[in-house]
Amino acid sequence: MSDTMQAVAINQYGDEQTLEMITLPMPTIGEHQVLIKSKATAINPLDWKLRAGYLTSMFDWAFPIVLGWDLAGVVTEVGSAVTDWQVGDEVFARPATSNRGTYAEYVAVDDELVARKPKNVTFEEAAAVPLAGETAWQALFNHGHLKAGETVLVQAGSGGVGSYAIQFAKAMGAHVITTTSAKNFDLVRDLGADEIIDYRNEKVADKAHNVDLVIDTIGGQSQVDAWSVLNPETGRQISIVGEAPETADIIKDTKMTFKAIWLIPNGEQLREIADLMADGKVKSIIDTVLPFSAEGLIKSHQLSATHHSTGKIVIKF
């Protein structure tokens, strides 16, 4: 094995043209880590927000910064204290957030964040899952406390987080309403949506009533409008994009609750998702697959920033 590898990184904050292929030393692993040879990674809004310099208050990192926090691949080395994984295992993970992300040929990952890739799932389908899937899981269950029989409104059901949220909620026995554009009606129905609202031509408030939980993936006016559909006694809204300025005022004299969340990587939840995928209850929706190259990553960032991809954008090694 060589002592260097290729990675796509940034050496300054800026637009997608700052992404470039560089050579880095091969990662060294700690006793509780595994080294994974990358087969696929995926793009998330976190990637280009960080690239543009919007998150420097949270992540004050030295350059070069390798972006990307979704990984599917093969274990090539295990740390001295690792017991659950061995060389040759096909796995996927949402690694810890650091300046050595997954736009790289090899990635060191904490062993507890790793899940086995189901045999019926490709590396590309597996790489689409970790960040968006764990975000959807935590929004629904850790923070949203969704129970069987409750009604959930998933905003932007054809997007990365939304497409997994529909499937998880359905698998747990909830009634699922979602918003999307008319061209994606068949897609979200196939994922398990019970009711669909065409956000371009219909108002959420006219179509949904007495909802227990809203998963907000859009923010702004969508978050504000969602308060009118929630059950005033049990209604709660979980946002993955932060709090709209009006939200505090709208709910201050009600029993409704709001929480903006940030993902905490969790291998145990990823393993539960893997089980659902192995059982055929959850699948990845992939919009585009691009090659691992500076050009491929530049194109993927441009596509992600349009907010109009259906499902996930995946990079194949």
C-alpha atoms as a PDB file:
ATOM      1  CA  MET A   1       0.000   0.000   0.000  1.00  0.00           C
ATOM      2  CA  SER A   2       1.292   3.438  -0.907  1.00  0.00           C
ATOM      3  CA  ASP A   3       1.963   5.952   1.859  1.00  0.00           C
ATOM      4  CA  THR A   4       0.003   8.649   0.001  1.00  0.00           C
ATOM      5  CA  MET A   5      -3.501   8.966  -1.449  1.00  0.00           C
ATOM      6  CA  GLN A   6      -5.572  11.293  -3.612  1.00  0.00           C
ATOM      7  CA  ALA A   7      -8.225  13.590  -2.129  1.00  0.00           C
ATOM      8  CA  VAL A   8     -10.331  16.485  -3.390  1.00  0.00           C
ATOM      9  CA  ALA A   9      -9.829  19.405  -1.004  1.00  0.00           C
ATOM     10  CA  ILE A  10     -10.024  23.180  -0.624  1.00  0.00           C
ATOM     11  CA  ASN A  11      -7.110  25.444   0.319  1.00  0.00           C
ATOM     12  CA  GLN A  12      -9.328  28.501   0.738  1.00  0.00           C
ATOM     13  CA  TYR A  13     -13.033  29.270   1.155  1.00  0.00           C
ATOM     14  CA  GLY A  14     -14.957  30.184  -1.976  1.00  0.00           C
ATOM     15  CA  ASP A  15     -17.065  28.844  -4.831  1.00  0.00           C
ATOM     16  CA  GLU A  16     -16.920  25.292  -6.214  1.00  0.00           C
ATOM     17  CA  GLN A  17     -13.836  26.136  -8.307  1.00  0.00           C
ATOM     18  CA  THR A  18     -11.800  26.022  -5.062  1.00  0.00           C
ATOM     19  CA  LEU A  19     -12.170  22.202  -5.093  1.00  0.00           C
ATOM     20  CA  GLU A  20      -8.951  20.578  -6.338  1.00  0.00           C
ATOM     21  CA  MET A  21      -7.299  17.149  -6.391  1.00  0.00           C
ATOM     22  CA  ILE A  22      -4.326  16.942  -4.009  1.00  0.00           C
ATOM     23  CA  THR A  23      -1.997  14.263  -2.618  1.00  0.00           C
ATOM     24  CA  LEU A  24      -2.151  13.618   1.135  1.00  0.00           C
ATOM     25  CA  PRO A  25      -0.413  11.167   3.476  1.00  0.00           C
ATOM     26  CA  MET A  26      -2.347   7.942   4.021  1.00  0.00           C
ATOM     27  CA  PRO A  27      -4.438   8.287   7.244  1.00  0.00           C
ATOM     28  CA  THR A  28      -3.076   6.602  10.368  1.00  0.00           C
ATOM     29  CA  ILE A  29      -5.691   4.917  12.557  1.00  0.00           C
ATOM     30  CA  GLY A  30      -6.132   4.894  16.317  1.00  0.00           C
ATOM     31  CA  GLU A  31      -6.778   1.744  18.337  1.00  0.00           C
ATOM     32  CA  HIS A  32     -10.571   2.201  18.052  1.00  0.00           C
ATOM     33  CA  GLN A  33     -10.594   3.095  14.353  1.00  0.00           C
ATOM     34  CA  VAL A  34     -10.767   1.300  11.022  1.00  0.00           C
ATOM     35  CA  LEU A  35      -9.274   2.384   7.693  1.00  0.00           C
ATOM     36  CA  ILE A  36     -11.832   2.264   4.884  1.00  0.00           C
ATOM     37  CA  LYS A  37     -11.000   2.233   1.179  1.00  0.00           C
ATOM     38  CA  SER A  38     -13.654   4.492  -0.369  1.00  0.00           C
ATOM     39  CA  LYS A  39     -16.060   3.070  -2.940  1.00  0.00           C
ATOM     40  CA  ALA A  40     -18.579   5.937  -2.824  1.00  0.00           C
ATOM     41  CA  THR A  41     -19.388   9.166  -0.996  1.00  0.00           C
ATOM     42  CA  ALA A  42     -22.344  11.560  -1.235  1.00  0.00           C
ATOM     43  CA  ILE A  43     -22.959  15.291  -1.314  1.00  0.00           C
ATOM     44  CA  ASN A  44     -24.824  17.217   1.395  1.00  0.00           C
ATOM     45  CA  PRO A  45     -25.609  20.938   1.781  1.00  0.00           C
ATOM     46  CA  LEU A  46     -23.154  20.888   4.717  1.00  0.00           C
ATOM     47  CA  ASP A  47     -20.357  20.340   2.166  1.00  0.00           C
ATOM     48  CA  TRP A  48     -20.892  23.465   0.100  1.00  0.00           C
ATOM     49  CA  LYS A  49     -21.909  25.631   3.061  1.00  0.00           C
ATOM     50  CA  LEU A  50     -18.597  24.750   4.683  1.00  0.00           C
ATOM     51  CA  ARG A  51     -16.707  25.228   1.397  1.00  0.00           C
ATOM     52  CA  ALA A  52     -18.174  28.727   1.017  1.00  0.00           C
ATOM     53  CA  GLY A  53     -17.002  29.687   4.526  1.00  0.00           C
ATOM     54  CA  TYR A  54     -20.462  29.965   6.126  1.00  0.00           C
ATOM     55  CA  LEU A  55     -19.606  27.644   9.037  1.00  0.00           C
ATOM     56  CA  THR A  56     -16.232  28.975  10.189  1.00  0.00           C
ATOM     57  CA  SER A  57     -17.656  29.890  13.617  1.00  0.00           C
ATOM     58  CA  MET A  58     -18.412  26.174  14.183  1.00  0.00           C
ATOM     59  CA  PHE A  59     -15.460  24.608  12.370  1.00  0.00           C
ATOM     60  CA  ASP A  60     -12.251  26.615  12.591  1.00  0.00           C
ATOM     61  CA  TRP A  61      -9.999  24.215  10.689  1.00  0.00           C
ATOM     62  CA  ALA A  62      -6.569  24.376   9.105  1.00  0.00           C
ATOM     63  CA  PHE A  63      -6.331  24.010   5.323  1.00  0.00           C
ATOM     64  CA  PRO A  64      -6.315  21.865   3.293  1.00  0.00           C
ATOM     65  CA  ILE A  65      -9.859  20.828   4.185  1.00  0.00           C
ATOM     66  CA  VAL A  66     -11.227  17.586   2.738  1.00  0.00           C
ATOM     67  CA  LEU A  67     -15.024  17.882   2.681  1.00  0.00           C
ATOM     68  CA  GLY A  68     -17.580  15.055   2.691  1.00  0.00           C
ATOM     69  CA  TRP A  69     -19.179  13.125   5.564  1.00  0.00           C
ATOM     70  CA  ASP A  70     -20.776  10.088   3.905  1.00  0.00           C
ATOM     71  CA  LEU A  71     -18.813   6.939   3.179  1.00  0.00           C
ATOM     72  CA  ALA A  72     -19.269   3.430   1.802  1.00  0.00           C
ATOM     73  CA  GLY A  73     -16.307   1.154   1.217  1.00  0.00           C
ATOM     74  CA  VAL A  74     -14.170  -1.777   2.315  1.00  0.00           C
ATOM     75  CA  VAL A  75     -12.197  -2.117   5.569  1.00  0.00           C
ATOM     76  CA  THR A  76      -8.456  -2.411   4.794  1.00  0.00           C
ATOM     77  CA  GLU A  77      -7.002  -2.071   8.309  1.00  0.00           C
ATOM     78  CA  VAL A  78      -8.324  -2.300  11.892  1.00  0.00           C
ATOM     79  CA  GLY A  79      -7.056  -0.713  15.093  1.00  0.00           C
ATOM     80  CA  SER A  80      -5.623  -2.828  17.888  1.00  0.00           C
ATOM     81  CA  ALA A  81      -8.754  -2.533  20.086  1.00  0.00           C
ATOM     82  CA  VAL A  82     -11.319  -3.143  17.297  1.00  0.00           C
ATOM     83  CA  THR A  83     -13.353  -6.340  17.746  1.00  0.00           C
ATOM     84  CA  ASP A  84     -16.441  -5.902  15.511  1.00  0.00           C
ATOM     85  CA  TRP A  85     -14.736  -5.337  12.154  1.00  0.00           C
ATOM     86  CA  GLN A  86     -12.169  -7.118  10.048  1.00  0.00           C
ATOM     87  CA  VAL A  87     -10.275  -6.505   6.823  1.00  0.00           C
ATOM     88  CA  GLY A  88     -12.555  -7.082   3.822  1.00  0.00           C
ATOM     89  CA  ASP A  89     -15.833  -6.058   5.524  1.00  0.00           C
ATOM     90  CA  GLU A  90     -18.122  -3.986   3.292  1.00  0.00           C
ATOM     91  CA  VAL A  91     -19.334  -1.075   5.414  1.00  0.00           C
ATOM     92  CA  PHE A  92     -20.772   2.437   5.466  1.00  0.00           C
ATOM     93  CA  ALA A  93     -20.483   5.292   7.958  1.00  0.00           C
ATOM     94  CA  ARG A  94     -21.064   8.920   8.817  1.00  0.00           C
ATOM     95  CA  PRO A  95     -17.549   9.680  10.149  1.00  0.00           C
ATOM     96  CA  ALA A  96     -16.880  12.268  12.834  1.00  0.00           C
ATOM     97  CA  THR A  97     -16.837  15.828  11.466  1.00  0.00           C
ATOM     98  CA  SER A  98     -13.230  16.865  10.832  1.00  0.00           C
ATOM     99  CA  ASN A  99     -11.068  18.493   8.174  1.00  0.00           C
ATOM    100  CA  ARG A 100     -10.299  15.019   6.793  1.00  0.00           C
ATOM    101  CA  GLY A 101     -13.619  14.107   5.223  1.00  0.00           C
ATOM    102  CA  THR A 102     -14.666  11.514   2.658  1.00  0.00           C
ATOM    103  CA  TYR A 103     -13.669  13.091  -0.666  1.00  0.00           C
ATOM    104  CA  ALA A 104     -10.604  10.860  -0.345  1.00  0.00           C
ATOM    105  CA  GLU A 105      -9.423   7.410  -1.417  1.00  0.00           C
ATOM    106  CA  TYR A 106      -9.033   6.256   2.219  1.00  0.00           C
ATOM    107  CA  VAL A 107     -10.734   7.452   5.418  1.00  0.00           C
ATOM    108  CA  ALA A 108     -10.042   6.651   9.089  1.00  0.00           C
ATOM    109  CA  VAL A 109     -13.336   6.120  10.945  1.00  0.00           C
ATOM    110  CA  ASP A 110     -14.153   5.461  14.618  1.00  0.00           C
ATOM    111  CA  ASP A 111     -15.260   1.824  14.858  1.00  0.00           C
ATOM    112  CA  GLU A 112     -18.500   2.628  16.703  1.00  0.00           C
ATOM    113  CA  LEU A 113     -19.734   4.811  13.794  1.00  0.00           C
ATOM    114  CA  VAL A 114     -19.532   1.985  11.247  1.00  0.00           C
ATOM    115  CA  ALA A 115     -22.406  -0.207   9.990  1.00  0.00           C
ATOM    116  CA  ARG A 116     -22.323  -3.282   7.772  1.00  0.00           C
ATOM    117  CA  LYS A 117     -23.506  -2.644   4.217  1.00  0.00           C
ATOM    118  CA  PRO A 118     -26.496  -4.889   3.457  1.00  0.00           C
ATOM    119  CA  LYS A 119     -25.843  -7.366   0.625  1.00  0.00           C
ATOM    120  CA  ASN A 120     -28.872  -6.118  -1.328  1.00  0.00           C
ATOM    121  CA  VAL A 121     -27.570  -2.515  -1.324  1.00  0.00           C
ATOM    122  CA  THR A 122     -24.885  -1.118  -3.665  1.00  0.00           C
ATOM    123  CA  PHE A 123     -21.979   0.993  -2.413  1.00  0.00           C
ATOM    124  CA  GLU A 124     -23.593   4.021  -4.093  1.00  0.00           C
ATOM    125  CA  GLU A 125     -26.940   3.374  -2.371  1.00  0.00           C
ATOM    126  CA  ALA A 126     -25.171   2.881   0.966  1.00  0.00           C
ATOM    127  CA  ALA A 127     -23.099   6.068   0.618  1.00  0.00           C
ATOM    128  CA  ALA A 128     -26.302   8.072   0.114  1.00  0.00           C
ATOM    129  CA  VAL A 129     -27.602   7.115   3.563  1.00  0.00           C
ATOM    130  CA  PRO A 130     -25.467   8.132   6.550  1.00  0.00           C
ATOM    131  CA  LEU A 131     -25.737  11.916   6.974  1.00  0.00           C
ATOM    132  CA  ALA A 132     -29.240  12.342   5.508  1.00  0.00           C
ATOM    133  CA  GLY A 133     -30.537   9.087   7.004  1.00  0.00           C
ATOM    134  CA  GLU A 134     -29.228   9.695  10.520  1.00  0.00           C
ATOM    135  CA  THR A 135     -30.522  13.296  10.362  1.00  0.00           C
ATOM    136  CA  ALA A 136     -34.005  12.069   9.402  1.00  0.00           C
ATOM    137  CA  TRP A 137     -33.901   9.392  12.133  1.00  0.00           C
ATOM    138  CA  GLN A 138     -32.880  11.816  14.878  1.00  0.00           C
ATOM    139  CA  ALA A 139     -35.423  14.429  13.752  1.00  0.00           C
ATOM    140  CA  LEU A 140     -38.280  11.911  13.804  1.00  0.00           C
ATOM    141  CA  PHE A 141     -37.455   9.845  16.874  1.00  0.00           C
ATOM    142  CA  ASN A 142     -34.812  11.392  19.174  1.00  0.00           C
ATOM    143  CA  HIS A 143     -36.235  14.909  18.941  1.00  0.00           C
ATOM    144  CA  GLY A 144     -39.679  14.504  17.343  1.00  0.00           C
ATOM    145  CA  HIS A 145     -40.706  11.515  19.530  1.00  0.00           C
ATOM    146  CA  LEU A 146     -42.876  10.193  16.699  1.00  0.00           C
ATOM    147  CA  LYS A 147     -45.131   7.302  17.700  1.00  0.00           C
ATOM    148  CA  ALA A 148     -47.120   4.779  15.670  1.00  0.00           C
ATOM    149  CA  GLY A 149     -50.498   6.205  14.696  1.00  0.00           C
ATOM    150  CA  GLU A 150     -49.374   9.834  14.779  1.00  0.00           C
ATOM    151  CA  THR A 151     -49.382  12.104  11.711  1.00  0.00           C
ATOM    152  CA  VAL A 152     -46.148  13.632  10.434  1.00  0.00           C
ATOM    153  CA  LEU A 153     -45.652  16.252   7.730  1.00  0.00           C
ATOM    154  CA  VAL A 154     -42.303  15.830   5.960  1.00  0.00           C
ATOM    155  CA  GLN A 155     -41.331  18.950   4.019  1.00  0.00           C
ATOM    156  CA  ALA A 156     -39.610  18.344   0.647  1.00  0.00           C
ATOM    157  CA  GLY A 157     -40.224  14.603   0.601  1.00  0.00           C
ATOM    158  CA  SER A 158     -38.229  13.982  -2.572  1.00  0.00           C
ATOM    159  CA  GLY A 159     -35.031  15.478  -1.139  1.00  0.00           C
ATOM    160  CA  GLY A 160     -32.261  13.594   0.656  1.00  0.00           C
ATOM    161  CA  VAL A 161     -33.473  13.886   4.265  1.00  0.00           C
ATOM    162  CA  GLY A 162     -37.145  13.935   3.250  1.00  0.00           C
ATOM    163  CA  SER A 163     -37.009  10.699   1.250  1.00  0.00           C
ATOM    164  CA  TYR A 164     -35.571   8.790   4.210  1.00  0.00           C
ATOM    165  CA  ALA A 165     -37.926  10.491   6.712  1.00  0.00           C
ATOM    166  CA  ILE A 166     -40.999   9.313   4.762  1.00  0.00           C
ATOM    167  CA  GLN A 167     -39.752   5.722   4.773  1.00  0.00           C
ATOM    168  CA  PHE A 168     -38.706   5.646   8.454  1.00  0.00           C
ATOM    169  CA  ALA A 169     -41.991   7.211   9.593  1.00  0.00           C
ATOM    170  CA  LYS A 170     -43.963   4.717   7.509  1.00  0.00           C
ATOM    171  CA  ALA A 171     -41.921   1.779   8.823  1.00  0.00           C
ATOM    172  CA  MET A 172     -42.754   2.923  12.380  1.00  0.00           C
ATOM    173  CA  GLY A 173     -46.497   3.040  11.668  1.00  0.00           C
ATOM    174  CA  ALA A 174     -47.108   6.788  11.255  1.00  0.00           C
ATOM    175  CA  HIS A 175     -49.472   8.532   8.814  1.00  0.00           C
ATOM    176  CA  VAL A 176     -47.244  10.498   6.433  1.00  0.00           C
ATOM    177  CA  ILE A 177     -48.043  13.733   4.607  1.00  0.00           C
ATOM    178  CA  THR A 178     -45.370  15.285   2.399  1.00  0.00           C
ATOM    179  CA  THR A 179     -44.769  18.290   0.145  1.00  0.00           C
ATOM    180  CA  THR A 180     -43.119  17.986  -3.265  1.00  0.00           C
ATOM    181  CA  SER A 181     -43.650  19.103  -6.867  1.00  0.00           C
ATOM    182  CA  ALA A 182     -46.098  17.266  -9.130  1.00  0.00           C
ATOM    183  CA  LYS A 183     -43.344  15.462 -11.059  1.00  0.00           C
ATOM    184  CA  ASN A 184     -42.320  13.637  -7.861  1.00  0.00           C
ATOM    185  CA  PHE A 185     -45.791  12.462  -6.768  1.00  0.00           C
ATOM    186  CA  ASP A 186     -45.205   8.867  -7.917  1.00  0.00           C
ATOM    187  CA  LEU A 187     -41.807   8.782  -6.222  1.00  0.00           C
ATOM    188  CA  VAL A 188     -42.996   9.897  -2.765  1.00  0.00           C
ATOM    189  CA  ARG A 189     -46.106   7.687  -3.024  1.00  0.00           C
ATOM    190  CA  ASP A 190     -43.781   4.744  -3.691  1.00  0.00           C
ATOM    191  CA  LEU A 191     -41.754   5.694  -0.584  1.00  0.00           C
ATOM    192  CA  GLY A 192     -44.916   5.482   1.523  1.00  0.00           C
ATOM    193  CA  ALA A 193     -46.487   8.956   1.596  1.00  0.00           C
ATOM    194  CA  ASP A 194     -50.212   8.741   2.434  1.00  0.00           C
ATOM    195  CA  GLU A 195     -51.023  12.320   1.353  1.00  0.00           C
ATOM    196  CA  ILE A 196     -49.098  14.587  -1.019  1.00  0.00           C
ATOM    197  CA  ILE A 197     -49.230  18.375  -1.289  1.00  0.00           C
ATOM    198  CA  ASP A 198     -47.994  20.093  -4.458  1.00  0.00           C
ATOM    199  CA  TYR A 199     -46.057  22.950  -2.873  1.00  0.00           C
ATOM    200  CA  ARG A 200     -46.096  24.938  -6.141  1.00  0.00           C
ATOM    201  CA  ASN A 201     -49.875  25.041  -6.510  1.00  0.00           C
ATOM    202  CA  GLU A 202     -51.351  24.185  -3.113  1.00  0.00           C
ATOM    203  CA  LYS A 203     -51.147  25.699   0.353  1.00  0.00           C
ATOM    204  CA  VAL A 204     -50.077  23.378   3.172  1.00  0.00           C
ATOM    205  CA  ALA A 205     -52.624  25.031   5.480  1.00  0.00           C
ATOM    206  CA  ASP A 206     -55.490  24.141   3.104  1.00  0.00           C
ATOM    207  CA  LYS A 207     -54.533  20.485   2.851  1.00  0.00           C
ATOM    208  CA  ALA A 208     -53.162  19.361   6.231  1.00  0.00           C
ATOM    209  CA  HIS A 209     -54.808  19.598   9.667  1.00  0.00           C
ATOM    210  CA  ASN A 210     -54.131  18.323  13.178  1.00  0.00           C
ATOM    211  CA  VAL A 211     -50.598  17.184  12.387  1.00  0.00           C
ATOM    212  CA  ASP A 212     -48.553  15.943  15.367  1.00  0.00           C
ATOM    213  CA  LEU A 213     -45.044  16.513  13.994  1.00  0.00           C
ATOM    214  CA  VAL A 214     -43.491  18.585  11.208  1.00  0.00           C
ATOM    215  CA  ILE A 215     -40.012  17.800   9.874  1.00  0.00           C
ATOM    216  CA  ASP A 216     -38.786  21.120   8.460  1.00  0.00           C
ATOM    217  CA  THR A 217     -36.047  20.777   5.834  1.00  0.00           C
ATOM    218  CA  ILE A 218     -36.590  24.168   4.151  1.00  0.00           C
ATOM    219  CA  GLY A 219     -36.918  26.890   6.791  1.00  0.00           C
ATOM    220  CA  GLY A 220     -38.210  30.410   6.185  1.00  0.00           C
ATOM    221  CA  GLN A 221     -41.826  30.751   5.107  1.00  0.00           C
ATOM    222  CA  SER A 222     -42.357  26.967   4.966  1.00  0.00           C
ATOM    223  CA  GLN A 223     -41.544  26.739   8.672  1.00  0.00           C
ATOM    224  CA  VAL A 224     -43.853  29.661   9.471  1.00  0.00           C
ATOM    225  CA  ASP A 225     -46.756  28.232   7.412  1.00  0.00           C
ATOM    226  CA  ALA A 226     -46.415  24.829   9.078  1.00  0.00           C
ATOM    227  CA  TRP A 227     -47.552  26.129  12.477  1.00  0.00           C
ATOM    228  CA  SER A 228     -51.122  26.471  11.186  1.00  0.00           C
ATOM    229  CA  VAL A 229     -51.359  22.733  10.399  1.00  0.00           C
ATOM    230  CA  LEU A 230     -50.106  21.465  13.758  1.00  0.00           C
ATOM    231  CA  ASN A 231     -52.327  20.158  16.546  1.00  0.00           C
ATOM    232  CA  PRO A 232     -52.307  22.988  19.139  1.00  0.00           C
ATOM    233  CA  GLU A 233     -52.101  20.435  21.991  1.00  0.00           C
ATOM    234  CA  THR A 234     -49.450  18.023  20.674  1.00  0.00           C
ATOM    235  CA  GLY A 235     -47.838  19.888  17.773  1.00  0.00           C
ATOM    236  CA  ARG A 236     -44.064  19.984  17.491  1.00  0.00           C
ATOM    237  CA  GLN A 237     -41.779  21.119  14.716  1.00  0.00           C
ATOM    238  CA  ILE A 238     -38.213  19.880  14.279  1.00  0.00           C
ATOM    239  CA  SER A 239     -36.019  21.831  11.874  1.00  0.00           C
ATOM    240  CA  ILE A 240     -32.708  20.821  10.318  1.00  0.00           C
ATOM    241  CA  VAL A 241     -32.106  24.351   8.957  1.00  0.00           C
ATOM    242  CA  GLY A 242     -32.546  26.627  12.001  1.00  0.00           C
ATOM    243  CA  GLU A 243     -35.303  28.848  13.386  1.00  0.00           C
ATOM    244  CA  ALA A 244     -37.306  31.309  11.303  1.00  0.00           C
ATOM    245  CA  PRO A 245     -37.448  34.751  13.001  1.00  0.00           C
ATOM    246  CA  GLU A 246     -41.247  34.588  13.457  1.00  0.00           C
ATOM    247  CA  THR A 247     -41.368  31.155  15.079  1.00  0.00           C
ATOM    248  CA  ALA A 248     -40.815  32.200  18.718  1.00  0.00           C
ATOM    249  CA  ASP A 249     -43.682  34.728  18.523  1.00  0.00           C
ATOM    250  CA  ILE A 250     -46.088  32.313  16.835  1.00  0.00           C
ATOM    251  CA  ILE A 251     -45.773  29.610  19.506  1.00  0.00           C
ATOM    252  CA  LYS A 252     -45.149  31.639  22.670  1.00  0.00           C
ATOM    253  CA  ASP A 253     -48.688  31.261  24.075  1.00  0.00           C
ATOM    254  CA  THR A 254     -49.294  27.739  22.792  1.00  0.00           C
ATOM    255  CA  LYS A 255     -48.383  24.174  23.779  1.00  0.00           C
ATOM    256  CA  MET A 256     -46.584  23.716  20.465  1.00  0.00           C
ATOM    257  CA  THR A 257     -42.824  23.235  20.578  1.00  0.00           C
ATOM    258  CA  PHE A 258     -39.910  23.929  18.255  1.00  0.00           C
ATOM    259  CA  LYS A 259     -36.380  22.561  18.097  1.00  0.00           C
ATOM    260  CA  ALA A 260     -33.579  23.182  15.609  1.00  0.00           C
ATOM    261  CA  ILE A 261     -31.245  20.199  15.524  1.00  0.00           C
ATOM    262  CA  TRP A 262     -27.721  19.345  14.430  1.00  0.00           C
ATOM    263  CA  LEU A 263     -26.782  15.760  13.599  1.00  0.00           C
ATOM    264  CA  ILE A 264     -24.734  13.711  16.082  1.00  0.00           C
ATOM    265  CA  PRO A 265     -23.147  10.792  14.169  1.00  0.00           C
ATOM    266  CA  ASN A 266     -24.520   7.523  15.543  1.00  0.00           C
ATOM    267  CA  GLY A 267     -23.457   4.083  14.350  1.00  0.00           C
ATOM    268  CA  GLU A 268     -26.180   2.278  16.283  1.00  0.00           C
ATOM    269  CA  GLN A 269     -28.895   4.190  14.403  1.00  0.00           C
ATOM    270  CA  LEU A 270     -27.109   3.553  11.104  1.00  0.00           C
ATOM    271  CA  ARG A 271     -27.156  -0.175  11.894  1.00  0.00           C
ATOM    272  CA  GLU A 272     -30.936   0.025  12.528  1.00  0.00           C
ATOM    273  CA  ILE A 273     -31.335   1.751   9.153  1.00  0.00           C
ATOM    274  CA  ALA A 274     -29.172  -0.982   7.565  1.00  0.00           C
ATOM    275  CA  ASP A 275     -31.569  -3.613   8.955  1.00  0.00           C
ATOM    276  CA  LEU A 276     -34.549  -1.794   7.401  1.00  0.00           C
ATOM    277  CA  MET A 277     -32.695  -1.675   4.070  1.00  0.00           C
ATOM    278  CA  ALA A 278     -31.815  -5.375   4.288  1.00  0.00           C
ATOM    279  CA  ASP A 279     -35.550  -6.087   4.849  1.00  0.00           C
ATOM    280  CA  GLY A 280     -36.481  -4.015   1.788  1.00  0.00           C
ATOM    281  CA  LYS A 281     -38.348  -1.410   3.877  1.00  0.00           C
ATOM    282  CA  VAL A 282     -35.997   1.494   3.087  1.00  0.00           C
ATOM    283  CA  LYS A 283     -34.138   2.389  -0.102  1.00  0.00           C
ATOM    284  CA  SER A 284     -31.944   5.213  -1.337  1.00  0.00           C
ATOM    285  CA  ILE A 285     -33.156   7.542  -4.071  1.00  0.00           C
ATOM    286  CA  ILE A 286     -30.182   8.624  -6.173  1.00  0.00           C
ATOM    287  CA  ASP A 287     -30.417  11.604  -8.507  1.00  0.00           C
ATOM    288  CA  THR A 288     -26.961  11.496 -10.110  1.00  0.00           C
ATOM    289  CA  VAL A 289     -23.719   9.516  -9.846  1.00  0.00           C
ATOM    290  CA  LEU A 290     -20.511  11.352 -10.776  1.00  0.00           C
ATOM    291  CA  PRO A 291     -16.873  10.175 -10.817  1.00  0.00           C
ATOM    292  CA  PHE A 292     -14.324  10.920  -8.086  1.00  0.00           C
ATOM    293  CA  SER A 293     -12.389  13.802  -9.630  1.00  0.00           C
ATOM    294  CA  ALA A 294     -12.107  17.547  -9.113  1.00  0.00           C
ATOM    295  CA  GLU A 295     -14.493  17.990 -12.051  1.00  0.00           C
ATOM    296  CA  GLY A 296     -16.971  15.459 -10.636  1.00  0.00           C
ATOM    297  CA  LEU A 297     -17.025  17.186  -7.237  1.00  0.00           C
ATOM    298  CA  ILE A 298     -17.345  20.663  -8.783  1.00  0.00           C
ATOM    299  CA  LYS A 299     -20.337  19.488 -10.819  1.00  0.00           C
ATOM    300  CA  SER A 300     -21.911  17.784  -7.800  1.00  0.00           C
ATOM    301  CA  HIS A 301     -21.655  20.957  -5.684  1.00  0.00           C
ATOM    302  CA  GLN A 302     -23.280  23.014  -8.448  1.00  0.00           C
ATOM    303  CA  LEU A 303     -26.128  20.492  -8.692  1.00  0.00           C
ATOM    304  CA  SER A 304     -26.632  20.272  -4.909  1.00  0.00           C
ATOM    305  CA  ALA A 305     -26.822  24.061  -4.539  1.00  0.00           C
ATOM    306  CA  THR A 306     -29.809  24.244  -6.929  1.00  0.00           C
ATOM    307  CA  HIS A 307     -31.896  22.378  -4.264  1.00  0.00           C
ATOM    308  CA  HIS A 308     -33.668  20.579  -7.131  1.00  0.00           C
ATOM    309  CA  SER A 309     -32.017  17.190  -7.111  1.00  0.00           C
ATOM    310  CA  THR A 310     -34.350  14.268  -6.411  1.00  0.00           C
ATOM    311  CA  GLY A 311     -32.774  12.191  -3.670  1.00  0.00           C
ATOM    312  CA  LYS A 312     -28.995  12.169  -3.362  1.00  0.00           C
ATOM    313  CA  ILE A 313     -25.974  13.081  -5.478  1.00  0.00           C
ATOM    314  CA  VAL A 314     -23.323  10.347  -5.185  1.00  0.00           C
ATOM    315  CA  ILE A 315     -19.619  10.236  -6.075  1.00  0.00           C
ATOM    316  CA  LYS A 316     -18.224   6.881  -7.214  1.00  0.00           C
ATOM    317  CA  PHE A 317     -14.549   5.936  -6.811  1.00  0.00           C
END
